[in-house]
Amino acid sequence: MIDYSPFWKTLEKSEENWYTLTKHHHVSDSTLHRLKHNKDISMKTVNDLCRILNCDIENIATYVASDEDQKL
């Protein structure tokens, strides 16, 4: 599963917050809710967050093996 806890740590260290992401950068509340609950988001959104936060992808997400992953 993809874990977005690095995103929250990166956001905390940045000058951005939930308000600025939604009001200034037009990231939807729904997207932030999905991040909070480790739900799927698009790679376009990951790209946008990296640009906004001036960070690398590993500062947004990490892979964690899980029994809930789909069968391959």
PDB file of N, CA and C in Angstrom:
ATOM      1  N   MET A   1       0.837  -1.175   0.000  1.00  0.00           N
ATOM      2  CA  MET A   1       0.000   0.000   0.000  1.00  0.00           C
ATOM      3  C   MET A   1       0.881   1.236   0.000  1.00  0.00           C
ATOM      4  N   ILE A   2       0.360   2.305  -0.481  1.00  0.00           N
ATOM      5  CA  ILE A   2       1.081   3.571  -0.482  1.00  0.00           C
ATOM      6  C   ILE A   2       0.700   4.330   0.782  1.00  0.00           C
ATOM      7  N   ASP A   3       1.713   4.757   1.507  1.00  0.00           N
ATOM      8  CA  ASP A   3       1.521   5.482   2.760  1.00  0.00           C
ATOM      9  C   ASP A   3       1.905   6.943   2.536  1.00  0.00           C
ATOM     10  N   TYR A   4       1.002   7.837   2.873  1.00  0.00           N
ATOM     11  CA  TYR A   4       1.239   9.266   2.659  1.00  0.00           C
ATOM     12  C   TYR A   4       1.685  10.002   3.915  1.00  0.00           C
ATOM     13  N   SER A   5       2.109   9.292   4.945  1.00  0.00           N
ATOM     14  CA  SER A   5       2.563   9.987   6.151  1.00  0.00           C
ATOM     15  C   SER A   5       3.768  10.902   5.890  1.00  0.00           C
ATOM     16  N   PRO A   6       4.663  10.579   4.924  1.00  0.00           N
ATOM     17  CA  PRO A   6       5.742  11.538   4.636  1.00  0.00           C
ATOM     18  C   PRO A   6       5.203  12.899   4.161  1.00  0.00           C
ATOM     19  N   PHE A   7       4.068  12.879   3.461  1.00  0.00           N
ATOM     20  CA  PHE A   7       3.466  14.134   2.996  1.00  0.00           C
ATOM     21  C   PHE A   7       3.157  15.050   4.176  1.00  0.00           C
ATOM     22  N   TRP A   8       2.547  14.496   5.224  1.00  0.00           N
ATOM     23  CA  TRP A   8       2.145  15.317   6.364  1.00  0.00           C
ATOM     24  C   TRP A   8       3.353  15.880   7.094  1.00  0.00           C
ATOM     25  N   LYS A   9       4.426  15.120   7.176  1.00  0.00           N
ATOM     26  CA  LYS A   9       5.660  15.614   7.802  1.00  0.00           C
ATOM     27  C   LYS A   9       6.277  16.721   6.947  1.00  0.00           C
ATOM     28  N   THR A  10       6.266  16.526   5.639  1.00  0.00           N
ATOM     29  CA  THR A  10       6.792  17.534   4.725  1.00  0.00           C
ATOM     30  C   THR A  10       5.960  18.803   4.791  1.00  0.00           C
ATOM     31  N   LEU A  11       4.648  18.649   4.817  1.00  0.00           N
ATOM     32  CA  LEU A  11       3.752  19.800   4.901  1.00  0.00           C
ATOM     33  C   LEU A  11       3.997  20.567   6.199  1.00  0.00           C
ATOM     34  N   GLU A  12       4.167  19.858   7.283  1.00  0.00           N
ATOM     35  CA  GLU A  12       4.399  20.481   8.583  1.00  0.00           C
ATOM     36  C   GLU A  12       5.670  21.335   8.585  1.00  0.00           C
ATOM     37  N   LYS A  13       6.691  20.886   7.864  1.00  0.00           N
ATOM     38  CA  LYS A  13       7.971  21.600   7.815  1.00  0.00           C
ATOM     39  C   LYS A  13       7.958  22.757   6.808  1.00  0.00           C
ATOM     40  N   SER A  14       6.956  22.770   5.951  1.00  0.00           N
ATOM     41  CA  SER A  14       6.900  23.792   4.905  1.00  0.00           C
ATOM     42  C   SER A  14       6.138  25.031   5.396  1.00  0.00           C
ATOM     43  N   GLU A  15       6.096  26.029   4.534  1.00  0.00           N
ATOM     44  CA  GLU A  15       5.323  27.240   4.832  1.00  0.00           C
ATOM     45  C   GLU A  15       3.866  27.073   4.432  1.00  0.00           C
ATOM     46  N   GLU A  16       3.538  25.951   3.819  1.00  0.00           N
ATOM     47  CA  GLU A  16       2.167  25.678   3.372  1.00  0.00           C
ATOM     48  C   GLU A  16       1.381  24.982   4.476  1.00  0.00           C
ATOM     49  N   ASN A  17       0.067  24.995   4.325  1.00  0.00           N
ATOM     50  CA  ASN A  17      -0.815  24.268   5.237  1.00  0.00           C
ATOM     51  C   ASN A  17      -2.086  23.894   4.469  1.00  0.00           C
ATOM     52  N   TRP A  18      -3.017  23.228   5.156  1.00  0.00           N
ATOM     53  CA  TRP A  18      -4.255  22.785   4.506  1.00  0.00           C
ATOM     54  C   TRP A  18      -4.925  23.967   3.810  1.00  0.00           C
ATOM     55  N   TYR A  19      -5.003  25.095   4.487  1.00  0.00           N
ATOM     56  CA  TYR A  19      -5.671  26.271   3.935  1.00  0.00           C
ATOM     57  C   TYR A  19      -4.990  26.753   2.653  1.00  0.00           C
ATOM     58  N   THR A  20      -3.677  26.928   2.678  1.00  0.00           N
ATOM     59  CA  THR A  20      -2.995  27.440   1.489  1.00  0.00           C
ATOM     60  C   THR A  20      -3.044  26.439   0.339  1.00  0.00           C
ATOM     61  N   LEU A  21      -2.995  25.155   0.664  1.00  0.00           N
ATOM     62  CA  LEU A  21      -3.105  24.155  -0.402  1.00  0.00           C
ATOM     63  C   LEU A  21      -4.452  24.247  -1.102  1.00  0.00           C
ATOM     64  N   THR A  22      -5.514  24.425  -0.325  1.00  0.00           N
ATOM     65  CA  THR A  22      -6.850  24.464  -0.932  1.00  0.00           C
ATOM     66  C   THR A  22      -7.170  25.824  -1.567  1.00  0.00           C
ATOM     67  N   LYS A  23      -6.823  26.897  -0.897  1.00  0.00           N
ATOM     68  CA  LYS A  23      -7.225  28.227  -1.369  1.00  0.00           C
ATOM     69  C   LYS A  23      -6.256  28.839  -2.373  1.00  0.00           C
ATOM     70  N   HIS A  24      -4.972  28.609  -2.214  1.00  0.00           N
ATOM     71  CA  HIS A  24      -3.992  29.241  -3.105  1.00  0.00           C
ATOM     72  C   HIS A  24      -3.537  28.310  -4.224  1.00  0.00           C
ATOM     73  N   HIS A  25      -3.479  27.024  -3.938  1.00  0.00           N
ATOM     74  CA  HIS A  25      -2.971  26.069  -4.927  1.00  0.00           C
ATOM     75  C   HIS A  25      -4.067  25.184  -5.517  1.00  0.00           C
ATOM     76  N   HIS A  26      -5.296  25.365  -5.061  1.00  0.00           N
ATOM     77  CA  HIS A  26      -6.472  24.676  -5.599  1.00  0.00           C
ATOM     78  C   HIS A  26      -6.413  23.157  -5.483  1.00  0.00           C
ATOM     79  N   VAL A  27      -5.794  22.674  -4.411  1.00  0.00           N
ATOM     80  CA  VAL A  27      -5.847  21.246  -4.088  1.00  0.00           C
ATOM     81  C   VAL A  27      -7.180  21.032  -3.383  1.00  0.00           C
ATOM     82  N   SER A  28      -7.940  20.064  -3.818  1.00  0.00           N
ATOM     83  CA  SER A  28      -9.276  19.892  -3.252  1.00  0.00           C
ATOM     84  C   SER A  28      -9.233  19.307  -1.838  1.00  0.00           C
ATOM     85  N   ASP A  29     -10.262  19.634  -1.066  1.00  0.00           N
ATOM     86  CA  ASP A  29     -10.427  19.036   0.263  1.00  0.00           C
ATOM     87  C   ASP A  29     -10.498  17.521   0.144  1.00  0.00           C
ATOM     88  N   SER A  30     -11.127  17.059  -0.914  1.00  0.00           N
ATOM     89  CA  SER A  30     -11.255  15.622  -1.155  1.00  0.00           C
ATOM     90  C   SER A  30      -9.880  14.969  -1.308  1.00  0.00           C
ATOM     91  N   THR A  31      -8.990  15.615  -2.032  1.00  0.00           N
ATOM     92  CA  THR A  31      -7.639  15.078  -2.211  1.00  0.00           C
ATOM     93  C   THR A  31      -6.911  15.010  -0.882  1.00  0.00           C
ATOM     94  N   LEU A  32      -7.016  16.046  -0.083  1.00  0.00           N
ATOM     95  CA  LEU A  32      -6.355  16.050   1.219  1.00  0.00           C
ATOM     96  C   LEU A  32      -6.955  14.980   2.135  1.00  0.00           C
ATOM     97  N   HIS A  33      -8.259  14.781   2.028  1.00  0.00           N
ATOM     98  CA  HIS A  33      -8.915  13.716   2.795  1.00  0.00           C
ATOM     99  C   HIS A  33      -8.379  12.352   2.355  1.00  0.00           C
ATOM    100  N   ARG A  34      -8.212  12.162   1.053  1.00  0.00           N
ATOM    101  CA  ARG A  34      -7.685  10.897   0.531  1.00  0.00           C
ATOM    102  C   ARG A  34      -6.257  10.673   1.018  1.00  0.00           C
ATOM    103  N   LEU A  35      -5.454  11.721   1.047  1.00  0.00           N
ATOM    104  CA  LEU A  35      -4.089  11.616   1.563  1.00  0.00           C
ATOM    105  C   LEU A  35      -4.105  11.232   3.047  1.00  0.00           C
ATOM    106  N   LYS A  36      -4.985  11.849   3.784  1.00  0.00           N
ATOM    107  CA  LYS A  36      -5.077  11.594   5.225  1.00  0.00           C
ATOM    108  C   LYS A  36      -5.417  10.136   5.515  1.00  0.00           C
ATOM    109  N   HIS A  37      -6.204   9.533   4.622  1.00  0.00           N
ATOM    110  CA  HIS A  37      -6.674   8.161   4.833  1.00  0.00           C
ATOM    111  C   HIS A  37      -5.973   7.149   3.924  1.00  0.00           C
ATOM    112  N   ASN A  38      -4.834   7.533   3.360  1.00  0.00           N
ATOM    113  CA  ASN A  38      -4.025   6.663   2.496  1.00  0.00           C
ATOM    114  C   ASN A  38      -4.824   6.028   1.366  1.00  0.00           C
ATOM    115  N   LYS A  39      -5.687   6.816   0.765  1.00  0.00           N
ATOM    116  CA  LYS A  39      -6.449   6.377  -0.406  1.00  0.00           C
ATOM    117  C   LYS A  39      -5.680   6.783  -1.666  1.00  0.00           C
ATOM    118  N   ASP A  40      -6.044   6.197  -2.791  1.00  0.00           N
ATOM    119  CA  ASP A  40      -5.360   6.482  -4.054  1.00  0.00           C
ATOM    120  C   ASP A  40      -5.521   7.943  -4.473  1.00  0.00           C
ATOM    121  N   ILE A  41      -4.435   8.500  -4.991  1.00  0.00           N
ATOM    122  CA  ILE A  41      -4.464   9.798  -5.656  1.00  0.00           C
ATOM    123  C   ILE A  41      -3.692   9.641  -6.963  1.00  0.00           C
ATOM    124  N   SER A  42      -3.878  10.567  -7.865  1.00  0.00           N
ATOM    125  CA  SER A  42      -3.224  10.455  -9.167  1.00  0.00           C
ATOM    126  C   SER A  42      -1.760  10.886  -9.084  1.00  0.00           C
ATOM    127  N   MET A  43      -0.996  10.421 -10.045  1.00  0.00           N
ATOM    128  CA  MET A  43       0.403  10.833 -10.128  1.00  0.00           C
ATOM    129  C   MET A  43       0.495  12.318 -10.496  1.00  0.00           C
ATOM    130  N   LYS A  44      -0.492  12.834 -11.188  1.00  0.00           N
ATOM    131  CA  LYS A  44      -0.525  14.269 -11.472  1.00  0.00           C
ATOM    132  C   LYS A  44      -0.591  15.042 -10.162  1.00  0.00           C
ATOM    133  N   THR A  45      -1.404  14.559  -9.233  1.00  0.00           N
ATOM    134  CA  THR A  45      -1.518  15.211  -7.929  1.00  0.00           C
ATOM    135  C   THR A  45      -0.200  15.115  -7.162  1.00  0.00           C
ATOM    136  N   VAL A  46       0.442  13.958  -7.207  1.00  0.00           N
ATOM    137  CA  VAL A  46       1.747  13.804  -6.556  1.00  0.00           C
ATOM    138  C   VAL A  46       2.733  14.796  -7.169  1.00  0.00           C
ATOM    139  N   ASN A  47       2.732  14.908  -8.485  1.00  0.00           N
ATOM    140  CA  ASN A  47       3.593  15.861  -9.178  1.00  0.00           C
ATOM    141  C   ASN A  47       3.310  17.290  -8.704  1.00  0.00           C
ATOM    142  N   ASP A  48       2.036  17.658  -8.635  1.00  0.00           N
ATOM    143  CA  ASP A  48       1.657  18.999  -8.185  1.00  0.00           C
ATOM    144  C   ASP A  48       2.127  19.257  -6.757  1.00  0.00           C
ATOM    145  N   LEU A  49       1.958  18.275  -5.891  1.00  0.00           N
ATOM    146  CA  LEU A  49       2.379  18.444  -4.494  1.00  0.00           C
ATOM    147  C   LEU A  49       3.895  18.594  -4.391  1.00  0.00           C
ATOM    148  N   CYS A  50       4.621  17.836  -5.184  1.00  0.00           N
ATOM    149  CA  CYS A  50       6.089  17.971  -5.197  1.00  0.00           C
ATOM    150  C   CYS A  50       6.488  19.373  -5.645  1.00  0.00           C
ATOM    151  N   ARG A  51       5.806  19.895  -6.637  1.00  0.00           N
ATOM    152  CA  ARG A  51       6.109  21.245  -7.122  1.00  0.00           C
ATOM    153  C   ARG A  51       5.759  22.294  -6.072  1.00  0.00           C
ATOM    154  N   ILE A  52       4.590  22.162  -5.465  1.00  0.00           N
ATOM    155  CA  ILE A  52       4.141  23.128  -4.455  1.00  0.00           C
ATOM    156  C   ILE A  52       5.081  23.126  -3.251  1.00  0.00           C
ATOM    157  N   LEU A  53       5.436  21.935  -2.793  1.00  0.00           N
ATOM    158  CA  LEU A  53       6.250  21.808  -1.584  1.00  0.00           C
ATOM    159  C   LEU A  53       7.745  21.793  -1.867  1.00  0.00           C
ATOM    160  N   ASN A  54       8.098  21.855  -3.161  1.00  0.00           N
ATOM    161  CA  ASN A  54       9.500  21.843  -3.575  1.00  0.00           C
ATOM    162  C   ASN A  54      10.240  20.667  -2.936  1.00  0.00           C
ATOM    163  N   CYS A  55       9.717  19.469  -3.205  1.00  0.00           N
ATOM    164  CA  CYS A  55      10.284  18.271  -2.582  1.00  0.00           C
ATOM    165  C   CYS A  55      10.314  17.114  -3.583  1.00  0.00           C
ATOM    166  N   ASP A  56      10.914  16.032  -3.179  1.00  0.00           N
ATOM    167  CA  ASP A  56      10.969  14.820  -3.990  1.00  0.00           C
ATOM    168  C   ASP A  56       9.794  13.914  -3.650  1.00  0.00           C
ATOM    169  N   ILE A  57       9.537  12.946  -4.518  1.00  0.00           N
ATOM    170  CA  ILE A  57       8.393  12.059  -4.348  1.00  0.00           C
ATOM    171  C   ILE A  57       8.452  11.281  -3.024  1.00  0.00           C
ATOM    172  N   GLU A  58       9.651  10.944  -2.558  1.00  0.00           N
ATOM    173  CA  GLU A  58       9.744  10.205  -1.292  1.00  0.00           C
ATOM    174  C   GLU A  58       9.346  11.063  -0.090  1.00  0.00           C
ATOM    175  N   ASN A  59       9.211  12.382  -0.305  1.00  0.00           N
ATOM    176  CA  ASN A  59       8.720  13.262   0.746  1.00  0.00           C
ATOM    177  C   ASN A  59       7.196  13.350   0.737  1.00  0.00           C
ATOM    178  N   ILE A  60       6.579  12.663  -0.217  1.00  0.00           N
ATOM    179  CA  ILE A  60       5.123  12.633  -0.335  1.00  0.00           C
ATOM    180  C   ILE A  60       4.582  11.257   0.033  1.00  0.00           C
ATOM    181  N   ALA A  61       5.231  10.204  -0.440  1.00  0.00           N
ATOM    182  CA  ALA A  61       4.692   8.855  -0.255  1.00  0.00           C
ATOM    183  C   ALA A  61       5.797   7.827  -0.108  1.00  0.00           C
ATOM    184  N   THR A  62       5.417   6.709   0.488  1.00  0.00           N
ATOM    185  CA  THR A  62       6.314   5.570   0.604  1.00  0.00           C
ATOM    186  C   THR A  62       5.497   4.296   0.412  1.00  0.00           C
ATOM    187  N   TYR A  63       6.147   3.250  -0.056  1.00  0.00           N
ATOM    188  CA  TYR A  63       5.471   1.968  -0.229  1.00  0.00           C
ATOM    189  C   TYR A  63       5.673   1.126   1.026  1.00  0.00           C
ATOM    190  N   VAL A  64       4.570   0.546   1.508  1.00  0.00           N
ATOM    191  CA  VAL A  64       4.603  -0.357   2.657  1.00  0.00           C
ATOM    192  C   VAL A  64       3.877  -1.634   2.237  1.00  0.00           C
ATOM    193  N   ALA A  65       4.562  -2.760   2.307  1.00  0.00           N
ATOM    194  CA  ALA A  65       3.918  -4.034   1.965  1.00  0.00           C
ATOM    195  C   ALA A  65       2.740  -4.268   2.908  1.00  0.00           C
ATOM    196  N   SER A  66       1.660  -4.813   2.347  1.00  0.00           N
ATOM    197  CA  SER A  66       0.447  -4.997   3.136  1.00  0.00           C
ATOM    198  C   SER A  66      -0.310  -6.216   2.657  1.00  0.00           C
ATOM    199  N   ASP A  67      -0.965  -6.893   3.577  1.00  0.00           N
ATOM    200  CA  ASP A  67      -1.825  -8.028   3.230  1.00  0.00           C
ATOM    201  C   ASP A  67      -3.055  -7.565   2.460  1.00  0.00           C
ATOM    202  N   GLU A  68      -3.341  -6.252   2.514  1.00  0.00           N
ATOM    203  CA  GLU A  68      -4.498  -5.690   1.808  1.00  0.00           C
ATOM    204  C   GLU A  68      -4.205  -5.388   0.347  1.00  0.00           C
ATOM    205  N   ASP A  69      -2.943  -5.509  -0.070  1.00  0.00           N
ATOM    206  CA  ASP A  69      -2.596  -5.274  -1.456  1.00  0.00           C
ATOM    207  C   ASP A  69      -3.315  -6.293  -2.359  1.00  0.00           C
ATOM    208  N   GLN A  70      -3.625  -5.878  -3.562  1.00  0.00           N
ATOM    209  CA  GLN A  70      -4.277  -6.799  -4.496  1.00  0.00           C
ATOM    210  C   GLN A  70      -3.325  -7.930  -4.864  1.00  0.00           C
ATOM    211  N   LYS A  71      -3.891  -9.055  -5.202  1.00  0.00           N
ATOM    212  CA  LYS A  71      -3.099 -10.210  -5.632  1.00  0.00           C
ATOM    213  C   LYS A  71      -2.517  -9.924  -7.006  1.00  0.00           C
ATOM    214  N   LEU A  72      -1.295 -10.353  -7.204  1.00  0.00           N
ATOM    215  CA  LEU A  72      -0.641 -10.160  -8.519  1.00  0.00           C
ATOM    216  C   LEU A  72      -0.748 -11.433  -9.329  1.00  0.00           C
TER     217      LEU A  72
END
